[in-house]
């Protein structure tokens, strides 16, 4: 399930993640990179929520950002 929130909401969620979780977004992106090789968006979100006790919105924002950055790397 791809994210259903606007780009502005996505950016706002990312900005709040360090305050809410105590970890920078870059750390979360490394956690996803080093995590299990899950293929589906919702599987990745569920994994972050269950393993790291993240709120649903924060987990979705992290996975969405991870996918955006991964796609950008492939385009280069």
Protein backbone atom coordinates (compact mmCIF):
# COMPACT_ATOMS: atom_id res chain seq x y z
CA UNK A 1 0.00 0.00 0.00
CA UNK A 2 1.71 3.20 -1.14
CA UNK A 3 1.48 6.27 1.03
CA UNK A 4 -1.74 8.22 0.77
CA UNK A 5 -0.62 11.46 2.34
CA UNK A 6 0.54 14.59 0.53
CA UNK A 7 4.14 15.57 -0.04
CA UNK A 8 3.76 18.27 2.62
CA UNK A 9 2.45 15.77 5.16
CA UNK A 10 5.31 13.43 4.27
CA UNK A 11 7.89 16.17 4.91
CA UNK A 12 6.20 17.12 8.20
CA UNK A 13 6.24 13.50 9.38
CA UNK A 14 9.92 13.17 8.49
CA UNK A 15 10.72 16.38 10.37
CA UNK A 16 9.04 15.03 13.54
CA UNK A 17 10.66 11.58 13.48
CA UNK A 18 13.88 12.56 15.32
CA UNK A 19 11.92 14.21 18.13
CA UNK A 20 9.43 11.33 18.44
CA UNK A 21 11.87 8.44 18.09
CA UNK A 22 15.20 9.80 19.30
CA UNK A 23 16.82 8.72 16.02
CA UNK A 24 17.56 10.67 12.85
CA UNK A 25 15.82 9.75 9.60
CA UNK A 26 19.17 8.71 8.13
CA UNK A 27 19.53 6.15 10.93
CA UNK A 28 16.08 4.76 10.18
CA UNK A 29 16.92 4.52 6.48
CA UNK A 30 20.04 2.49 7.35
CA UNK A 31 17.89 0.28 9.60
CA UNK A 32 15.57 -0.43 6.67
CA UNK A 33 18.54 -1.05 4.36
CA UNK A 34 20.05 -3.53 6.83
CA UNK A 35 16.69 -5.13 7.66
CA UNK A 36 15.02 -8.12 6.07
CA UNK A 37 14.61 -8.22 2.29
CA UNK A 38 10.88 -7.56 2.24
CA UNK A 39 9.37 -6.61 -1.10
CA UNK A 40 6.00 -5.06 -0.38
CA UNK A 41 5.52 -1.59 1.09
CA UNK A 42 3.06 -2.77 3.73
CA UNK A 43 5.38 -5.60 4.81
CA UNK A 44 8.19 -3.11 5.40
CA UNK A 45 5.86 -0.82 7.36
CA UNK A 46 4.63 -3.74 9.48
CA UNK A 47 8.21 -4.84 10.16
CA UNK A 48 9.24 -1.35 11.33
CA UNK A 49 6.16 -1.09 13.53
CA UNK A 50 6.60 -4.49 15.16
CA UNK A 51 10.39 -4.55 15.51
CA UNK A 52 10.93 -0.91 16.45
CA UNK A 53 7.58 0.10 17.96
CA UNK A 54 7.04 2.97 15.55
CA UNK A 55 3.76 4.75 14.94
CA UNK A 56 2.07 3.76 11.69
CA UNK A 57 2.50 7.21 10.09
CA UNK A 58 6.18 7.39 10.96
CA UNK A 59 6.82 3.90 9.63
CA UNK A 60 5.02 4.75 6.38
CA UNK A 61 7.00 7.98 6.00
CA UNK A 62 10.32 6.19 6.57
CA UNK A 63 9.54 3.45 4.04
CA UNK A 64 8.24 5.97 1.51
CA UNK A 65 11.42 8.04 1.89
CA UNK A 66 13.55 4.90 1.61
CA UNK A 67 11.77 3.90 -1.61
CA UNK A 68 12.09 7.43 -3.05
CA UNK A 69 15.83 7.53 -2.38
CA UNK A 70 16.35 4.00 -3.70
CA UNK A 71 14.51 4.90 -6.92
CA UNK A 72 16.60 8.08 -7.28
CA UNK A 73 19.80 6.02 -7.00
CA UNK A 74 18.60 3.72 -9.80
CA UNK A 75 17.96 6.67 -12.11
CA UNK A 76 21.52 7.91 -11.96
